[in-house]
Amino acid sequence: MTDLHVPLADPFGRADWDSRLGNHPDAGVFHTAEWARVLQETYGYEPLYAPGARTDAALWPVMEVRSRLTGHRGVSLPFTDYCDPLLEPAQVEAHLERLCRTARQHRWRYLELRPGQMDLAGRPVYRKYLRHSLELGPDAQALFDRLRPSVRRNIRKARRLGIRVERSVQPGAVREYYRLHCLIRKHHGLPPQPFRFFERIGEHLLRPENGLVLLARHDQTCIAGAVFLRFRDRAFYKFGACDRRYQQWRPNDLLFWEAIEWLGQNGHSRLCLGRTEPENTGLRRFKMGWGAREFPLYYYRYHVGKDAFVAGGEAGVPGYPGFRHLPVGLLKLMGACAYRHMG
């Protein structure tokens, strides 16, 4: 085994971590020390980042998830749709070897990698998803003209009904969004993530202006919301929710449009709309309606016991219809207990 002489990096160890990330063209919000702090302070995960050579902070980020229920493992990165390694192509194999060796040394069950567009050539794919990316710009009319006609009609309908959209980074907006988040998770038969996860996002990302919350209101009632994260000229749609009683008023369409317009006019060139299961045709149709491009998204899993990358694997976490009948308070308690074991 090659001795790489590459120490693992701690993103909390240097104050200029994020400014150095800015030198890399593929750096995004999930490479930042702030996102690492969100994961560590919410779930107790520890960062074990393998740095590259292009800048001091170029890296392949991994967090260690330690759980007696689901096993110890490394994930790049937990609760992150994908995280591109910030490496030159010639560096990939050496750093992949480094990470696999780290997995063996730490006696993990497995190492899961979510490397965005990077193809780990010759290795089986563990899971296949899609991601959608939308090019932005300052010309709002050009962006609006690119929308599917049905999306434009929905935006106009929401405006006629008097729905308005607010932008905020304040704790009150996070709390309002979380109320909607709990409702939509209940509808899907899933517990919500713990509120402290969103509190940490607010503290470390939203208030330092690396993200924003958008809320759609009718009169004084908050009926839809979304959380966007941003770093440099790239933005990422992270969470969205609505009160389904008002869904036919199309508040999500107006909310998304005002987010796209604002991001384009404030220096952002690209908006990632996140991960989608290939069979979720409704969500794919919604994302493509904004003029987004669709790309494959592959996850890889190194099985430590087999000393090999493995194919297949279980599907994503399903919804349980019975959970729809449970009170939101109980679902919150379940989420607070369960999510740190999931990663």
C-alpha atoms as a PDB file:
ATOM      1  CA  MET A   1       0.000   0.000   0.000  1.00  0.00           C
ATOM      2  CA  THR A   2       1.376   3.402  -0.998  1.00  0.00           C
ATOM      3  CA  ASP A   3       2.324   5.689   1.871  1.00  0.00           C
ATOM      4  CA  LEU A   4       0.719   8.970   0.882  1.00  0.00           C
ATOM      5  CA  HIS A   5       2.114  11.099   3.708  1.00  0.00           C
ATOM      6  CA  VAL A   6      -1.150  13.093   3.666  1.00  0.00           C
ATOM      7  CA  PRO A   7      -2.441  14.027   7.134  1.00  0.00           C
ATOM      8  CA  LEU A   8      -6.156  14.300   7.697  1.00  0.00           C
ATOM      9  CA  ALA A   9      -7.373  17.878   7.894  1.00  0.00           C
ATOM     10  CA  ASP A  10      -9.627  19.521  10.463  1.00  0.00           C
ATOM     11  CA  PRO A  11     -11.793  22.323   8.966  1.00  0.00           C
ATOM     12  CA  PHE A  12     -12.128  23.849  12.440  1.00  0.00           C
ATOM     13  CA  GLY A  13      -8.380  24.201  12.802  1.00  0.00           C
ATOM     14  CA  ARG A  14      -7.825  27.303  10.699  1.00  0.00           C
ATOM     15  CA  ALA A  15      -9.705  30.557  10.481  1.00  0.00           C
ATOM     16  CA  ASP A  16      -9.041  30.996   6.761  1.00  0.00           C
ATOM     17  CA  TRP A  17     -10.505  27.617   5.725  1.00  0.00           C
ATOM     18  CA  ASP A  18     -13.415  29.031   3.728  1.00  0.00           C
ATOM     19  CA  SER A  19     -11.413  31.808   2.101  1.00  0.00           C
ATOM     20  CA  ARG A  20      -8.973  29.210   0.792  1.00  0.00           C
ATOM     21  CA  LEU A  21     -11.884  27.150  -0.550  1.00  0.00           C
ATOM     22  CA  GLY A  22     -12.802  30.183  -2.624  1.00  0.00           C
ATOM     23  CA  ASN A  23      -9.746  29.567  -4.774  1.00  0.00           C
ATOM     24  CA  HIS A  24     -11.163  26.279  -6.075  1.00  0.00           C
ATOM     25  CA  PRO A  25     -13.735  26.515  -8.917  1.00  0.00           C
ATOM     26  CA  ASP A  26     -15.804  23.560  -7.649  1.00  0.00           C
ATOM     27  CA  ALA A  27     -15.999  24.618  -3.998  1.00  0.00           C
ATOM     28  CA  GLY A  28     -19.498  24.846  -2.577  1.00  0.00           C
ATOM     29  CA  VAL A  29     -21.258  25.389   0.713  1.00  0.00           C
ATOM     30  CA  PHE A  30     -20.880  21.734   1.756  1.00  0.00           C
ATOM     31  CA  HIS A  31     -17.072  22.054   1.743  1.00  0.00           C
ATOM     32  CA  THR A  32     -17.143  24.870   4.270  1.00  0.00           C
ATOM     33  CA  ALA A  33     -16.232  24.708   7.933  1.00  0.00           C
ATOM     34  CA  GLU A  34     -19.720  26.052   8.709  1.00  0.00           C
ATOM     35  CA  TRP A  35     -21.455  23.020   7.210  1.00  0.00           C
ATOM     36  CA  ALA A  36     -19.078  20.751   9.111  1.00  0.00           C
ATOM     37  CA  ARG A  37     -20.023  22.595  12.316  1.00  0.00           C
ATOM     38  CA  VAL A  38     -23.727  22.092  11.594  1.00  0.00           C
ATOM     39  CA  LEU A  39     -23.193  18.328  11.309  1.00  0.00           C
ATOM     40  CA  GLN A  40     -20.876  18.068  14.293  1.00  0.00           C
ATOM     41  CA  GLU A  41     -22.934  20.191  16.687  1.00  0.00           C
ATOM     42  CA  THR A  42     -26.234  18.584  15.690  1.00  0.00           C
ATOM     43  CA  TYR A  43     -25.262  14.927  15.423  1.00  0.00           C
ATOM     44  CA  GLY A  44     -21.798  14.614  16.958  1.00  0.00           C
ATOM     45  CA  TYR A  45     -20.076  13.566  13.717  1.00  0.00           C
ATOM     46  CA  GLU A  46     -16.324  14.138  13.501  1.00  0.00           C
ATOM     47  CA  PRO A  47     -14.584  15.504  10.384  1.00  0.00           C
ATOM     48  CA  LEU A  48     -11.808  13.436   8.806  1.00  0.00           C
ATOM     49  CA  TYR A  49     -10.985  15.437   5.702  1.00  0.00           C
ATOM     50  CA  ALA A  50      -8.320  14.235   3.259  1.00  0.00           C
ATOM     51  CA  PRO A  51      -6.706  17.377   1.819  1.00  0.00           C
ATOM     52  CA  GLY A  52      -5.489  17.813  -1.727  1.00  0.00           C
ATOM     53  CA  ALA A  53      -2.671  19.831  -3.197  1.00  0.00           C
ATOM     54  CA  ARG A  54      -4.328  22.551  -5.257  1.00  0.00           C
ATOM     55  CA  THR A  55      -4.940  24.741  -2.200  1.00  0.00           C
ATOM     56  CA  ASP A  56      -4.374  24.071   1.469  1.00  0.00           C
ATOM     57  CA  ALA A  57      -8.103  23.443   1.831  1.00  0.00           C
ATOM     58  CA  ALA A  58      -8.647  21.360  -1.319  1.00  0.00           C
ATOM     59  CA  LEU A  59      -9.971  18.084  -0.064  1.00  0.00           C
ATOM     60  CA  TRP A  60     -12.200  15.057  -0.044  1.00  0.00           C
ATOM     61  CA  PRO A  61     -14.476  15.685   2.966  1.00  0.00           C
ATOM     62  CA  VAL A  62     -15.575  12.753   5.147  1.00  0.00           C
ATOM     63  CA  MET A  63     -17.410  12.719   8.468  1.00  0.00           C
ATOM     64  CA  GLU A  64     -17.238   9.794  10.874  1.00  0.00           C
ATOM     65  CA  VAL A  65     -20.662   8.504  11.962  1.00  0.00           C
ATOM     66  CA  ARG A  66     -20.455   6.394  15.123  1.00  0.00           C
ATOM     67  CA  SER A  67     -23.594   4.472  15.996  1.00  0.00           C
ATOM     68  CA  ARG A  68     -24.326   1.319  17.950  1.00  0.00           C
ATOM     69  CA  LEU A  69     -27.529   0.896  15.954  1.00  0.00           C
ATOM     70  CA  THR A  70     -26.311   1.331  12.381  1.00  0.00           C
ATOM     71  CA  GLY A  71     -22.579   0.791  12.779  1.00  0.00           C
ATOM     72  CA  HIS A  72     -19.515   3.025  12.553  1.00  0.00           C
ATOM     73  CA  ARG A  73     -18.816   4.384   9.097  1.00  0.00           C
ATOM     74  CA  GLY A  74     -17.454   7.277   7.079  1.00  0.00           C
ATOM     75  CA  VAL A  75     -19.722   9.337   4.841  1.00  0.00           C
ATOM     76  CA  SER A  76     -18.915  12.113   2.390  1.00  0.00           C
ATOM     77  CA  LEU A  77     -21.017  13.820   3.578  1.00  0.00           C
ATOM     78  CA  PRO A  78     -23.951  13.020   5.903  1.00  0.00           C
ATOM     79  CA  PHE A  79     -27.254  14.723   5.038  1.00  0.00           C
ATOM     80  CA  THR A  80     -25.623  16.102   1.895  1.00  0.00           C
ATOM     81  CA  ASP A  81     -26.953  15.183  -1.539  1.00  0.00           C
ATOM     82  CA  TYR A  82     -23.458  15.195  -3.001  1.00  0.00           C
ATOM     83  CA  CYS A  83     -20.028  16.616  -2.245  1.00  0.00           C
ATOM     84  CA  ASP A  84     -17.490  16.967  -5.050  1.00  0.00           C
ATOM     85  CA  PRO A  85     -13.900  16.104  -4.119  1.00  0.00           C
ATOM     86  CA  LEU A  86     -11.784  19.218  -4.689  1.00  0.00           C
ATOM     87  CA  LEU A  87      -8.985  17.364  -6.399  1.00  0.00           C
ATOM     88  CA  GLU A  88      -7.172  17.259  -9.704  1.00  0.00           C
ATOM     89  CA  PRO A  89      -8.045  14.110 -11.700  1.00  0.00           C
ATOM     90  CA  ALA A  90      -4.520  12.787 -11.194  1.00  0.00           C
ATOM     91  CA  GLN A  91      -4.983  12.997  -7.415  1.00  0.00           C
ATOM     92  CA  VAL A  92      -8.184  10.984  -7.176  1.00  0.00           C
ATOM     93  CA  GLU A  93      -6.794   7.452  -6.999  1.00  0.00           C
ATOM     94  CA  ALA A  94      -4.185   8.321  -4.379  1.00  0.00           C
ATOM     95  CA  HIS A  95      -6.719  10.031  -2.140  1.00  0.00           C
ATOM     96  CA  LEU A  96      -9.266   7.302  -2.637  1.00  0.00           C
ATOM     97  CA  GLU A  97      -6.638   4.844  -1.432  1.00  0.00           C
ATOM     98  CA  ARG A  98      -6.015   7.101   1.556  1.00  0.00           C
ATOM     99  CA  LEU A  99      -9.694   7.143   2.486  1.00  0.00           C
ATOM    100  CA  CYS A 100     -10.066   3.369   2.161  1.00  0.00           C
ATOM    101  CA  ARG A 101      -7.069   2.914   4.410  1.00  0.00           C
ATOM    102  CA  THR A 102      -8.618   5.316   6.928  1.00  0.00           C
ATOM    103  CA  ALA A 103     -11.799   3.213   6.835  1.00  0.00           C
ATOM    104  CA  ARG A 104      -9.821   0.094   7.719  1.00  0.00           C
ATOM    105  CA  GLN A 105      -7.844   1.833  10.455  1.00  0.00           C
ATOM    106  CA  HIS A 106     -11.027   3.135  12.091  1.00  0.00           C
ATOM    107  CA  ARG A 107     -12.766  -0.240  11.719  1.00  0.00           C
ATOM    108  CA  TRP A 108     -15.718   1.224   9.906  1.00  0.00           C
ATOM    109  CA  ARG A 109     -18.377  -1.009   8.394  1.00  0.00           C
ATOM    110  CA  TYR A 110     -18.117   0.955   5.179  1.00  0.00           C
ATOM    111  CA  LEU A 111     -17.132   4.219   3.541  1.00  0.00           C
ATOM    112  CA  GLU A 112     -19.852   5.945   1.486  1.00  0.00           C
ATOM    113  CA  LEU A 113     -18.833   8.492  -1.133  1.00  0.00           C
ATOM    114  CA  ARG A 114     -21.202  10.914  -2.880  1.00  0.00           C
ATOM    115  CA  PRO A 115     -18.837  12.547  -5.362  1.00  0.00           C
ATOM    116  CA  GLY A 116     -21.222  14.507  -7.568  1.00  0.00           C
ATOM    117  CA  GLN A 117     -20.341  14.159 -11.224  1.00  0.00           C
ATOM    118  CA  MET A 118     -17.093  12.326 -10.592  1.00  0.00           C
ATOM    119  CA  ASP A 119     -17.023   8.809 -12.027  1.00  0.00           C
ATOM    120  CA  LEU A 120     -14.896   6.451  -9.941  1.00  0.00           C
ATOM    121  CA  ALA A 121     -13.918   4.456 -13.006  1.00  0.00           C
ATOM    122  CA  GLY A 122     -14.029   0.678 -12.743  1.00  0.00           C
ATOM    123  CA  ARG A 123     -15.916   0.636  -9.452  1.00  0.00           C
ATOM    124  CA  PRO A 124     -19.521  -0.513  -9.111  1.00  0.00           C
ATOM    125  CA  VAL A 125     -22.171   2.081  -8.352  1.00  0.00           C
ATOM    126  CA  TYR A 126     -24.002   1.564  -5.081  1.00  0.00           C
ATOM    127  CA  ARG A 127     -26.963   3.876  -5.716  1.00  0.00           C
ATOM    128  CA  LYS A 128     -28.098   5.919  -8.682  1.00  0.00           C
ATOM    129  CA  TYR A 129     -29.921   9.229  -8.483  1.00  0.00           C
ATOM    130  CA  LEU A 130     -30.383  12.365 -10.553  1.00  0.00           C
ATOM    131  CA  ARG A 131     -29.464  15.940  -9.827  1.00  0.00           C
ATOM    132  CA  HIS A 132     -30.745  19.090 -11.476  1.00  0.00           C
ATOM    133  CA  SER A 133     -28.808  22.292 -12.087  1.00  0.00           C
ATOM    134  CA  LEU A 134     -30.188  25.633 -13.204  1.00  0.00           C
ATOM    135  CA  GLU A 135     -28.063  28.334 -14.844  1.00  0.00           C
ATOM    136  CA  LEU A 136     -28.796  31.821 -13.461  1.00  0.00           C
ATOM    137  CA  GLY A 137     -28.104  35.382 -14.520  1.00  0.00           C
ATOM    138  CA  PRO A 138     -29.145  38.991 -13.858  1.00  0.00           C
ATOM    139  CA  ASP A 139     -31.686  39.154 -16.717  1.00  0.00           C
ATOM    140  CA  ALA A 140     -34.931  38.254 -14.926  1.00  0.00           C
ATOM    141  CA  GLN A 141     -37.039  38.399 -18.096  1.00  0.00           C
ATOM    142  CA  ALA A 142     -34.758  35.915 -19.853  1.00  0.00           C
ATOM    143  CA  LEU A 143     -35.037  33.581 -16.859  1.00  0.00           C
ATOM    144  CA  PHE A 144     -38.833  33.947 -16.789  1.00  0.00           C
ATOM    145  CA  ASP A 145     -39.135  33.256 -20.519  1.00  0.00           C
ATOM    146  CA  ARG A 146     -37.221  30.010 -20.028  1.00  0.00           C
ATOM    147  CA  LEU A 147     -39.841  28.617 -17.669  1.00  0.00           C
ATOM    148  CA  ARG A 148     -42.375  26.059 -18.815  1.00  0.00           C
ATOM    149  CA  PRO A 149     -45.677  27.820 -19.695  1.00  0.00           C
ATOM    150  CA  SER A 150     -47.534  26.008 -16.892  1.00  0.00           C
ATOM    151  CA  VAL A 151     -44.979  27.318 -14.372  1.00  0.00           C
ATOM    152  CA  ARG A 152     -45.454  30.882 -15.590  1.00  0.00           C
ATOM    153  CA  ARG A 153     -49.232  30.491 -15.234  1.00  0.00           C
ATOM    154  CA  ASN A 154     -48.809  29.176 -11.693  1.00  0.00           C
ATOM    155  CA  ILE A 155     -46.653  32.159 -10.726  1.00  0.00           C
ATOM    156  CA  ARG A 156     -49.240  34.599 -12.085  1.00  0.00           C
ATOM    157  CA  LYS A 157     -52.034  32.726 -10.298  1.00  0.00           C
ATOM    158  CA  ALA A 158     -50.244  32.947  -6.945  1.00  0.00           C
ATOM    159  CA  ARG A 159     -49.748  36.683  -7.405  1.00  0.00           C
ATOM    160  CA  ARG A 160     -53.404  37.236  -8.327  1.00  0.00           C
ATOM    161  CA  LEU A 161     -54.404  35.460  -5.105  1.00  0.00           C
ATOM    162  CA  GLY A 162     -52.325  37.929  -3.099  1.00  0.00           C
ATOM    163  CA  ILE A 163     -49.534  35.579  -2.027  1.00  0.00           C
ATOM    164  CA  ARG A 164     -46.335  37.418  -1.141  1.00  0.00           C
ATOM    165  CA  VAL A 165     -42.833  36.087  -0.507  1.00  0.00           C
ATOM    166  CA  GLU A 166     -40.484  37.229   2.257  1.00  0.00           C
ATOM    167  CA  ARG A 167     -36.725  36.656   2.545  1.00  0.00           C
ATOM    168  CA  SER A 168     -35.091  36.324   5.949  1.00  0.00           C
ATOM    169  CA  VAL A 169     -32.141  34.881   7.838  1.00  0.00           C
ATOM    170  CA  GLN A 170     -33.638  35.424  11.294  1.00  0.00           C
ATOM    171  CA  PRO A 171     -34.470  32.684  13.853  1.00  0.00           C
ATOM    172  CA  GLY A 172     -38.186  33.473  13.588  1.00  0.00           C
ATOM    173  CA  ALA A 173     -38.164  32.581   9.882  1.00  0.00           C
ATOM    174  CA  VAL A 174     -36.357  29.317  10.638  1.00  0.00           C
ATOM    175  CA  ARG A 175     -39.039  28.432  13.205  1.00  0.00           C
ATOM    176  CA  GLU A 176     -41.835  29.207  10.753  1.00  0.00           C
ATOM    177  CA  TYR A 177     -40.198  27.100   8.072  1.00  0.00           C
ATOM    178  CA  TYR A 178     -39.715  24.228  10.533  1.00  0.00           C
ATOM    179  CA  ARG A 179     -43.437  24.156  11.336  1.00  0.00           C
ATOM    180  CA  LEU A 180     -44.142  23.569   7.642  1.00  0.00           C
ATOM    181  CA  HIS A 181     -41.280  21.083   7.431  1.00  0.00           C
ATOM    182  CA  CYS A 182     -42.861  18.970  10.162  1.00  0.00           C
ATOM    183  CA  LEU A 183     -46.211  19.018   8.381  1.00  0.00           C
ATOM    184  CA  ILE A 184     -44.812  17.872   5.049  1.00  0.00           C
ATOM    185  CA  ARG A 185     -42.692  15.151   6.650  1.00  0.00           C
ATOM    186  CA  LYS A 186     -45.786  13.873   8.434  1.00  0.00           C
ATOM    187  CA  HIS A 187     -47.609  13.801   5.085  1.00  0.00           C
ATOM    188  CA  HIS A 188     -44.772  11.715   3.599  1.00  0.00           C
ATOM    189  CA  GLY A 189     -44.841   9.323   6.563  1.00  0.00           C
ATOM    190  CA  LEU A 190     -41.454  10.380   7.936  1.00  0.00           C
ATOM    191  CA  PRO A 191     -40.265  12.049  11.154  1.00  0.00           C
ATOM    192  CA  PRO A 192     -38.699  15.499  10.747  1.00  0.00           C
ATOM    193  CA  GLN A 193     -35.046  16.234  11.383  1.00  0.00           C
ATOM    194  CA  PRO A 194     -34.494  17.686  14.863  1.00  0.00           C
ATOM    195  CA  PHE A 195     -35.063  21.404  15.206  1.00  0.00           C
ATOM    196  CA  ARG A 196     -31.492  21.880  16.432  1.00  0.00           C
ATOM    197  CA  PHE A 197     -30.319  20.912  12.919  1.00  0.00           C
ATOM    198  CA  PHE A 198     -32.154  23.936  11.512  1.00  0.00           C
ATOM    199  CA  GLU A 199     -31.039  26.106  14.426  1.00  0.00           C
ATOM    200  CA  ARG A 200     -27.413  25.295  13.596  1.00  0.00           C
ATOM    201  CA  ILE A 201     -28.025  25.998   9.905  1.00  0.00           C
ATOM    202  CA  GLY A 202     -29.407  29.361  10.936  1.00  0.00           C
ATOM    203  CA  GLU A 203     -26.509  30.119  13.251  1.00  0.00           C
ATOM    204  CA  HIS A 204     -23.634  28.985  11.037  1.00  0.00           C
ATOM    205  CA  LEU A 205     -24.952  29.570   7.511  1.00  0.00           C
ATOM    206  CA  LEU A 206     -28.015  31.797   7.286  1.00  0.00           C
ATOM    207  CA  ARG A 207     -27.049  34.654   9.570  1.00  0.00           C
ATOM    208  CA  PRO A 208     -23.482  34.870   8.163  1.00  0.00           C
ATOM    209  CA  GLU A 209     -25.249  35.341   4.771  1.00  0.00           C
ATOM    210  CA  ASN A 210     -24.409  31.917   3.369  1.00  0.00           C
ATOM    211  CA  GLY A 211     -28.081  31.149   2.916  1.00  0.00           C
ATOM    212  CA  LEU A 212     -31.618  32.442   3.289  1.00  0.00           C
ATOM    213  CA  VAL A 213     -35.151  31.346   4.129  1.00  0.00           C
ATOM    214  CA  LEU A 214     -38.035  32.259   1.836  1.00  0.00           C
ATOM    215  CA  LEU A 215     -41.586  32.179   3.193  1.00  0.00           C
ATOM    216  CA  ALA A 216     -44.782  32.521   1.167  1.00  0.00           C
ATOM    217  CA  ARG A 217     -47.711  34.149   2.995  1.00  0.00           C
ATOM    218  CA  HIS A 218     -51.380  34.675   2.326  1.00  0.00           C
ATOM    219  CA  ASP A 219     -52.601  37.460   4.578  1.00  0.00           C
ATOM    220  CA  GLN A 220     -50.755  36.578   7.810  1.00  0.00           C
ATOM    221  CA  THR A 221     -50.646  32.819   7.232  1.00  0.00           C
ATOM    222  CA  CYS A 222     -47.349  31.210   6.252  1.00  0.00           C
ATOM    223  CA  ILE A 223     -48.256  28.571   3.642  1.00  0.00           C
ATOM    224  CA  ALA A 224     -44.930  27.574   2.046  1.00  0.00           C
ATOM    225  CA  GLY A 225     -41.223  27.893   2.713  1.00  0.00           C
ATOM    226  CA  ALA A 226     -37.799  26.929   1.457  1.00  0.00           C
ATOM    227  CA  VAL A 227     -34.189  27.019   2.642  1.00  0.00           C
ATOM    228  CA  PHE A 228     -31.425  27.932   0.193  1.00  0.00           C
ATOM    229  CA  LEU A 229     -27.704  27.761   0.958  1.00  0.00           C
ATOM    230  CA  ARG A 230     -25.033  29.636  -0.978  1.00  0.00           C
ATOM    231  CA  PHE A 231     -21.296  29.987  -1.314  1.00  0.00           C
ATOM    232  CA  ARG A 232     -19.491  32.298  -3.701  1.00  0.00           C
ATOM    233  CA  ASP A 233     -21.548  32.256  -6.968  1.00  0.00           C
ATOM    234  CA  ARG A 234     -23.264  28.896  -6.358  1.00  0.00           C
ATOM    235  CA  ALA A 235     -26.571  28.304  -4.584  1.00  0.00           C
ATOM    236  CA  PHE A 236     -28.207  25.115  -3.364  1.00  0.00           C
ATOM    237  CA  TYR A 237     -31.873  24.419  -2.713  1.00  0.00           C
ATOM    238  CA  LYS A 238     -31.776  22.372   0.483  1.00  0.00           C
ATOM    239  CA  PHE A 239     -35.303  22.136   1.955  1.00  0.00           C
ATOM    240  CA  GLY A 240     -38.832  22.965   0.895  1.00  0.00           C
ATOM    241  CA  ALA A 241     -42.257  22.498   2.459  1.00  0.00           C
ATOM    242  CA  CYS A 242     -45.821  23.724   2.196  1.00  0.00           C
ATOM    243  CA  ASP A 243     -49.175  23.575   3.916  1.00  0.00           C
ATOM    244  CA  ARG A 244     -51.010  21.234   1.576  1.00  0.00           C
ATOM    245  CA  ARG A 245     -54.336  22.930   2.267  1.00  0.00           C
ATOM    246  CA  TYR A 246     -53.081  25.801   0.080  1.00  0.00           C
ATOM    247  CA  GLN A 247     -51.184  23.774  -2.506  1.00  0.00           C
ATOM    248  CA  GLN A 248     -53.661  24.564  -5.303  1.00  0.00           C
ATOM    249  CA  TRP A 249     -52.773  28.272  -4.908  1.00  0.00           C
ATOM    250  CA  ARG A 250     -49.243  27.433  -6.194  1.00  0.00           C
ATOM    251  CA  PRO A 251     -47.246  29.226  -3.475  1.00  0.00           C
ATOM    252  CA  ASN A 252     -44.194  27.042  -4.153  1.00  0.00           C
ATOM    253  CA  ASP A 253     -43.996  28.237  -7.752  1.00  0.00           C
ATOM    254  CA  LEU A 254     -44.003  31.892  -6.737  1.00  0.00           C
ATOM    255  CA  LEU A 255     -41.531  31.204  -3.948  1.00  0.00           C
ATOM    256  CA  PHE A 256     -39.130  29.407  -6.296  1.00  0.00           C
ATOM    257  CA  TRP A 257     -39.402  32.085  -8.922  1.00  0.00           C
ATOM    258  CA  GLU A 258     -38.597  34.885  -6.480  1.00  0.00           C
ATOM    259  CA  ALA A 259     -35.636  32.870  -5.189  1.00  0.00           C
ATOM    260  CA  ILE A 260     -34.326  32.368  -8.732  1.00  0.00           C
ATOM    261  CA  GLU A 261     -34.804  36.043  -9.571  1.00  0.00           C
ATOM    262  CA  TRP A 262     -33.078  37.246  -6.390  1.00  0.00           C
ATOM    263  CA  LEU A 263     -30.165  34.819  -6.675  1.00  0.00           C
ATOM    264  CA  GLY A 264     -29.570  35.739 -10.312  1.00  0.00           C
ATOM    265  CA  GLN A 265     -29.587  39.454  -9.543  1.00  0.00           C
ATOM    266  CA  ASN A 266     -27.201  38.998  -6.617  1.00  0.00           C
ATOM    267  CA  GLY A 267     -24.292  37.404  -8.413  1.00  0.00           C
ATOM    268  CA  HIS A 268     -25.178  33.706  -8.453  1.00  0.00           C
ATOM    269  CA  SER A 269     -24.528  31.844 -11.692  1.00  0.00           C
ATOM    270  CA  ARG A 270     -25.935  28.424 -10.770  1.00  0.00           C
ATOM    271  CA  LEU A 271     -28.627  26.921  -8.569  1.00  0.00           C
ATOM    272  CA  CYS A 272     -28.537  23.226  -7.731  1.00  0.00           C
ATOM    273  CA  LEU A 273     -31.995  21.778  -7.106  1.00  0.00           C
ATOM    274  CA  GLY A 274     -30.710  18.737  -5.244  1.00  0.00           C
ATOM    275  CA  ARG A 275     -31.084  14.980  -5.491  1.00  0.00           C
ATOM    276  CA  THR A 276     -34.050  13.192  -7.061  1.00  0.00           C
ATOM    277  CA  GLU A 277     -34.916   9.500  -7.252  1.00  0.00           C
ATOM    278  CA  PRO A 278     -35.226   8.511 -10.936  1.00  0.00           C
ATOM    279  CA  GLU A 279     -38.709   7.072 -10.391  1.00  0.00           C
ATOM    280  CA  ASN A 280     -40.036  10.306  -8.825  1.00  0.00           C
ATOM    281  CA  THR A 281     -41.470  11.654 -12.069  1.00  0.00           C
ATOM    282  CA  GLY A 282     -43.478  14.398 -10.366  1.00  0.00           C
ATOM    283  CA  LEU A 283     -40.444  15.956  -8.702  1.00  0.00           C
ATOM    284  CA  ARG A 284     -38.403  15.607 -11.897  1.00  0.00           C
ATOM    285  CA  ARG A 285     -41.135  17.371 -13.849  1.00  0.00           C
ATOM    286  CA  PHE A 286     -41.254  20.186 -11.278  1.00  0.00           C
ATOM    287  CA  LYS A 287     -37.498  20.754 -11.466  1.00  0.00           C
ATOM    288  CA  MET A 288     -37.316  20.537 -15.255  1.00  0.00           C
ATOM    289  CA  GLY A 289     -40.100  23.120 -15.472  1.00  0.00           C
ATOM    290  CA  TRP A 290     -37.614  25.802 -14.383  1.00  0.00           C
ATOM    291  CA  GLY A 291     -35.288  25.072 -17.273  1.00  0.00           C
ATOM    292  CA  ALA A 292     -32.927  22.902 -15.224  1.00  0.00           C
ATOM    293  CA  ARG A 293     -30.579  20.379 -16.778  1.00  0.00           C
ATOM    294  CA  GLU A 294     -30.578  16.801 -15.510  1.00  0.00           C
ATOM    295  CA  PHE A 295     -27.400  14.885 -14.654  1.00  0.00           C
ATOM    296  CA  PRO A 296     -26.680  11.417 -13.243  1.00  0.00           C
ATOM    297  CA  LEU A 297     -25.617  11.244  -9.619  1.00  0.00           C
ATOM    298  CA  TYR A 298     -23.774   8.168  -8.340  1.00  0.00           C
ATOM    299  CA  TYR A 299     -23.013   6.998  -4.807  1.00  0.00           C
ATOM    300  CA  TYR A 300     -20.212   4.520  -4.071  1.00  0.00           C
ATOM    301  CA  ARG A 301     -19.723   2.266  -1.067  1.00  0.00           C
ATOM    302  CA  TYR A 302     -16.451   0.702   0.035  1.00  0.00           C
ATOM    303  CA  HIS A 303     -17.205  -2.366   2.176  1.00  0.00           C
ATOM    304  CA  VAL A 304     -14.370  -2.690   4.683  1.00  0.00           C
ATOM    305  CA  GLY A 305     -14.932  -6.369   5.486  1.00  0.00           C
ATOM    306  CA  LYS A 306     -14.777  -7.291   1.791  1.00  0.00           C
ATOM    307  CA  ASP A 307     -12.022  -4.764   1.026  1.00  0.00           C
ATOM    308  CA  ALA A 308     -13.959  -3.838  -2.098  1.00  0.00           C
ATOM    309  CA  PHE A 309     -16.494  -1.429  -3.536  1.00  0.00           C
ATOM    310  CA  VAL A 310     -19.913  -3.049  -3.713  1.00  0.00           C
ATOM    311  CA  ALA A 311     -22.945  -2.645  -5.963  1.00  0.00           C
ATOM    312  CA  GLY A 312     -26.631  -2.489  -5.133  1.00  0.00           C
ATOM    313  CA  GLY A 313     -27.885  -1.723  -1.689  1.00  0.00           C
ATOM    314  CA  GLU A 314     -31.161  -0.853  -0.080  1.00  0.00           C
ATOM    315  CA  ALA A 315     -33.429   1.858  -1.422  1.00  0.00           C
ATOM    316  CA  GLY A 316     -33.707   5.250   0.201  1.00  0.00           C
ATOM    317  CA  VAL A 317     -35.600   5.638   3.464  1.00  0.00           C
ATOM    318  CA  PRO A 318     -39.281   4.894   2.703  1.00  0.00           C
ATOM    319  CA  GLY A 319     -42.252   6.675   4.125  1.00  0.00           C
ATOM    320  CA  TYR A 320     -44.501   4.731   6.488  1.00  0.00           C
ATOM    321  CA  PRO A 321     -48.215   5.447   5.954  1.00  0.00           C
ATOM    322  CA  GLY A 322     -48.951   4.777   9.612  1.00  0.00           C
ATOM    323  CA  PHE A 323     -46.721   7.698  10.632  1.00  0.00           C
ATOM    324  CA  ARG A 324     -49.212  10.076   8.996  1.00  0.00           C
ATOM    325  CA  HIS A 325     -51.604   9.387  11.864  1.00  0.00           C
ATOM    326  CA  LEU A 326     -49.102  10.141  14.624  1.00  0.00           C
ATOM    327  CA  PRO A 327     -49.015  13.535  16.340  1.00  0.00           C
ATOM    328  CA  VAL A 328     -46.294  15.904  15.174  1.00  0.00           C
ATOM    329  CA  GLY A 329     -44.812  16.021  18.691  1.00  0.00           C
ATOM    330  CA  LEU A 330     -44.206  12.274  18.667  1.00  0.00           C
ATOM    331  CA  LEU A 331     -42.694  12.419  15.175  1.00  0.00           C
ATOM    332  CA  LYS A 332     -40.326  15.163  16.353  1.00  0.00           C
ATOM    333  CA  LEU A 333     -39.196  12.969  19.243  1.00  0.00           C
ATOM    334  CA  MET A 334     -38.625  10.058  16.871  1.00  0.00           C
ATOM    335  CA  GLY A 335     -36.571  12.248  14.549  1.00  0.00           C
ATOM    336  CA  ALA A 336     -34.473  13.624  17.391  1.00  0.00           C
ATOM    337  CA  CYS A 337     -33.589  10.075  18.409  1.00  0.00           C
ATOM    338  CA  ALA A 338     -33.153   8.491  14.978  1.00  0.00           C
ATOM    339  CA  TYR A 339     -31.418  10.873  12.615  1.00  0.00           C
ATOM    340  CA  ARG A 340     -27.992  10.876  14.185  1.00  0.00           C
ATOM    341  CA  HIS A 341     -27.832   7.131  13.508  1.00  0.00           C
ATOM    342  CA  MET A 342     -28.688   7.589   9.821  1.00  0.00           C
ATOM    343  CA  GLY A 343     -26.165  10.006   8.389  1.00  0.00           C
END
